[in-house]
Amino acid sequence: MSAEPFSPEFQRAFVAMRYFLGARGEGLGAPLGDASAADVTERRLAHPDRERRAEALAAEVGRVVRALEAGSFR
């Protein structure tokens, strides 16, 4: 069993959706507590290059959409 209370998929989706909805800055994943996948996603979305941030966000939003379409998101 993982020491983290949320799956990596949920962590990434949580951070990406907060960013998508307008949250910015450090702490996008803070409500999740100790969440390594959230930290990685947060760093990607804080990249200084706008294009890299957009690519990271598009990848995460795409994962969320595919999971919702498949009915596999919990």
N, C-alpha and C. Protein backbone atom coordinates (compact mmCIF):
# COMPACT_ATOMS: atom_id res chain seq x y z
N MET A 1 0.84 -1.18 0.00
CA MET A 1 0.00 0.00 0.00
C MET A 1 0.89 1.25 0.00
N SER A 2 0.52 2.23 -0.76
CA SER A 2 1.28 3.48 -0.88
C SER A 2 1.15 4.31 0.39
N ALA A 3 2.23 5.04 0.71
CA ALA A 3 2.20 5.94 1.85
C ALA A 3 1.40 7.20 1.54
N GLU A 4 1.19 7.47 0.27
CA GLU A 4 0.43 8.65 -0.13
C GLU A 4 -1.06 8.30 -0.18
N PRO A 5 -1.91 9.19 0.34
CA PRO A 5 -3.34 8.88 0.41
C PRO A 5 -4.07 8.95 -0.93
N PHE A 6 -3.47 9.57 -1.94
CA PHE A 6 -4.12 9.72 -3.24
C PHE A 6 -3.25 9.11 -4.33
N SER A 7 -3.89 8.53 -5.33
CA SER A 7 -3.14 7.93 -6.43
C SER A 7 -2.39 9.01 -7.21
N PRO A 8 -1.30 8.64 -7.87
CA PRO A 8 -0.58 9.61 -8.69
C PRO A 8 -1.47 10.24 -9.77
N GLU A 9 -2.38 9.45 -10.33
CA GLU A 9 -3.27 9.97 -11.36
C GLU A 9 -4.16 11.07 -10.79
N PHE A 10 -4.70 10.83 -9.60
CA PHE A 10 -5.55 11.83 -8.96
C PHE A 10 -4.74 13.07 -8.62
N GLN A 11 -3.54 12.89 -8.11
CA GLN A 11 -2.69 14.02 -7.76
C GLN A 11 -2.43 14.91 -8.96
N ARG A 12 -2.05 14.28 -10.09
CA ARG A 12 -1.77 15.07 -11.30
C ARG A 12 -3.02 15.79 -11.78
N ALA A 13 -4.15 15.10 -11.78
CA ALA A 13 -5.41 15.71 -12.23
C ALA A 13 -5.81 16.86 -11.32
N PHE A 14 -5.66 16.69 -10.03
CA PHE A 14 -6.03 17.72 -9.07
C PHE A 14 -5.24 19.00 -9.33
N VAL A 15 -3.93 18.88 -9.46
CA VAL A 15 -3.08 20.04 -9.69
C VAL A 15 -3.40 20.68 -11.05
N ALA A 16 -3.54 19.86 -12.08
CA ALA A 16 -3.81 20.38 -13.42
C ALA A 16 -5.15 21.12 -13.47
N MET A 17 -6.17 20.58 -12.81
CA MET A 17 -7.48 21.24 -12.84
C MET A 17 -7.46 22.53 -12.05
N ARG A 18 -6.75 22.57 -10.93
CA ARG A 18 -6.64 23.83 -10.19
C ARG A 18 -5.96 24.88 -11.05
N TYR A 19 -4.90 24.48 -11.77
CA TYR A 19 -4.19 25.41 -12.64
C TYR A 19 -5.11 25.86 -13.78
N PHE A 20 -5.79 24.91 -14.39
CA PHE A 20 -6.71 25.19 -15.49
C PHE A 20 -7.78 26.20 -15.07
N LEU A 21 -8.23 26.10 -13.82
CA LEU A 21 -9.28 26.98 -13.31
C LEU A 21 -8.75 28.32 -12.78
N GLY A 22 -7.44 28.53 -12.91
CA GLY A 22 -6.89 29.84 -12.61
C GLY A 22 -5.96 29.94 -11.42
N ALA A 23 -5.81 28.89 -10.63
CA ALA A 23 -4.89 28.95 -9.49
C ALA A 23 -3.46 28.99 -10.02
N ARG A 24 -2.64 29.78 -9.37
CA ARG A 24 -1.24 29.90 -9.77
C ARG A 24 -0.36 29.95 -8.53
N GLY A 25 0.93 29.77 -8.75
CA GLY A 25 1.89 29.87 -7.67
C GLY A 25 2.13 28.55 -6.98
N GLU A 26 2.94 28.62 -5.94
CA GLU A 26 3.27 27.43 -5.18
C GLU A 26 2.06 26.94 -4.41
N GLY A 27 2.04 25.67 -4.16
CA GLY A 27 0.99 25.11 -3.32
C GLY A 27 -0.24 24.61 -4.03
N LEU A 28 -0.17 24.41 -5.35
CA LEU A 28 -1.35 23.90 -6.05
C LEU A 28 -1.77 22.54 -5.50
N GLY A 29 -0.81 21.75 -5.09
CA GLY A 29 -1.12 20.43 -4.55
C GLY A 29 -1.13 20.37 -3.04
N ALA A 30 -1.00 21.51 -2.38
CA ALA A 30 -0.92 21.55 -0.92
C ALA A 30 -2.09 20.84 -0.22
N PRO A 31 -3.32 20.97 -0.72
CA PRO A 31 -4.42 20.28 -0.04
C PRO A 31 -4.27 18.76 -0.01
N LEU A 32 -3.41 18.22 -0.86
CA LEU A 32 -3.21 16.78 -0.91
C LEU A 32 -2.19 16.28 0.10
N GLY A 33 -1.52 17.19 0.77
CA GLY A 33 -0.49 16.79 1.73
C GLY A 33 0.77 16.34 0.99
N ASP A 34 1.39 15.29 1.48
CA ASP A 34 2.61 14.75 0.88
C ASP A 34 2.25 13.99 -0.39
N ALA A 35 2.40 14.64 -1.52
CA ALA A 35 1.95 14.07 -2.80
C ALA A 35 3.02 14.30 -3.87
N SER A 36 3.83 13.29 -4.11
CA SER A 36 4.98 13.46 -5.01
C SER A 36 4.57 13.74 -6.46
N ALA A 37 3.54 13.08 -6.96
CA ALA A 37 3.11 13.32 -8.35
C ALA A 37 2.55 14.74 -8.49
N ALA A 38 1.90 15.23 -7.44
CA ALA A 38 1.40 16.60 -7.46
C ALA A 38 2.56 17.58 -7.52
N ASP A 39 3.61 17.30 -6.76
CA ASP A 39 4.79 18.17 -6.76
C ASP A 39 5.43 18.23 -8.15
N VAL A 40 5.56 17.09 -8.79
CA VAL A 40 6.16 17.04 -10.14
C VAL A 40 5.30 17.84 -11.12
N THR A 41 4.00 17.64 -11.07
CA THR A 41 3.09 18.36 -11.97
C THR A 41 3.14 19.85 -11.70
N GLU A 42 3.18 20.21 -10.44
CA GLU A 42 3.26 21.64 -10.08
C GLU A 42 4.52 22.27 -10.65
N ARG A 43 5.64 21.57 -10.56
CA ARG A 43 6.90 22.11 -11.11
C ARG A 43 6.80 22.27 -12.64
N ARG A 44 6.18 21.31 -13.29
CA ARG A 44 6.02 21.41 -14.75
C ARG A 44 5.16 22.62 -15.13
N LEU A 45 4.13 22.87 -14.34
CA LEU A 45 3.23 23.99 -14.63
C LEU A 45 3.82 25.33 -14.20
N ALA A 46 4.94 25.30 -13.52
CA ALA A 46 5.62 26.54 -13.12
C ALA A 46 6.84 26.81 -14.00
N HIS A 47 7.02 26.04 -15.05
CA HIS A 47 8.17 26.22 -15.94
C HIS A 47 8.18 27.66 -16.47
N PRO A 48 9.35 28.27 -16.57
CA PRO A 48 9.41 29.66 -17.05
C PRO A 48 8.95 29.85 -18.50
N ASP A 49 9.03 28.80 -19.30
CA ASP A 49 8.63 28.91 -20.70
C ASP A 49 7.13 28.61 -20.85
N ARG A 50 6.40 29.56 -21.39
CA ARG A 50 4.95 29.42 -21.53
C ARG A 50 4.56 28.19 -22.36
N GLU A 51 5.30 27.93 -23.42
CA GLU A 51 4.99 26.78 -24.27
C GLU A 51 5.13 25.48 -23.51
N ARG A 52 6.15 25.36 -22.69
CA ARG A 52 6.34 24.14 -21.89
C ARG A 52 5.21 23.97 -20.87
N ARG A 53 4.77 25.08 -20.27
CA ARG A 53 3.63 25.02 -19.34
C ARG A 53 2.38 24.55 -20.07
N ALA A 54 2.15 25.11 -21.27
CA ALA A 54 0.97 24.73 -22.05
C ALA A 54 1.01 23.26 -22.43
N GLU A 55 2.17 22.76 -22.80
CA GLU A 55 2.31 21.34 -23.15
C GLU A 55 2.01 20.46 -21.94
N ALA A 56 2.53 20.85 -20.78
CA ALA A 56 2.29 20.07 -19.56
C ALA A 56 0.81 20.07 -19.21
N LEU A 57 0.18 21.23 -19.30
CA LEU A 57 -1.25 21.32 -18.98
C LEU A 57 -2.08 20.51 -19.97
N ALA A 58 -1.77 20.61 -21.25
CA ALA A 58 -2.51 19.86 -22.27
C ALA A 58 -2.41 18.36 -22.03
N ALA A 59 -1.23 17.89 -21.68
CA ALA A 59 -1.05 16.46 -21.42
C ALA A 59 -1.91 16.01 -20.24
N GLU A 60 -1.92 16.78 -19.18
CA GLU A 60 -2.69 16.40 -18.00
C GLU A 60 -4.19 16.50 -18.24
N VAL A 61 -4.63 17.56 -18.89
CA VAL A 61 -6.06 17.68 -19.20
C VAL A 61 -6.49 16.55 -20.13
N GLY A 62 -5.65 16.20 -21.07
CA GLY A 62 -5.95 15.07 -21.96
C GLY A 62 -6.14 13.78 -21.20
N ARG A 63 -5.28 13.54 -20.20
CA ARG A 63 -5.43 12.33 -19.38
C ARG A 63 -6.76 12.34 -18.63
N VAL A 64 -7.13 13.49 -18.09
CA VAL A 64 -8.39 13.60 -17.36
C VAL A 64 -9.56 13.31 -18.30
N VAL A 65 -9.56 13.91 -19.46
CA VAL A 65 -10.65 13.72 -20.42
C VAL A 65 -10.76 12.24 -20.82
N ARG A 66 -9.62 11.61 -21.13
CA ARG A 66 -9.65 10.19 -21.50
C ARG A 66 -10.17 9.32 -20.36
N ALA A 67 -9.78 9.62 -19.14
CA ALA A 67 -10.25 8.85 -17.99
C ALA A 67 -11.76 9.04 -17.80
N LEU A 68 -12.24 10.26 -17.96
CA LEU A 68 -13.67 10.52 -17.83
C LEU A 68 -14.46 9.80 -18.92
N GLU A 69 -13.95 9.85 -20.14
CA GLU A 69 -14.62 9.16 -21.25
C GLU A 69 -14.67 7.66 -21.03
N ALA A 70 -13.61 7.11 -20.44
CA ALA A 70 -13.56 5.67 -20.21
C ALA A 70 -14.33 5.27 -18.94
N GLY A 71 -14.75 6.27 -18.16
CA GLY A 71 -15.45 5.98 -16.93
C GLY A 71 -14.55 5.38 -15.86
N SER A 72 -13.24 5.67 -15.98
CA SER A 72 -12.29 5.05 -15.05
C SER A 72 -11.75 5.99 -14.02
N PHE A 73 -12.27 7.20 -13.96
CA PHE A 73 -11.74 8.17 -13.00
C PHE A 73 -12.51 8.05 -11.70
N ARG A 74 -11.77 7.86 -10.61
CA ARG A 74 -12.41 7.73 -9.29
C ARG A 74 -11.87 8.76 -8.37
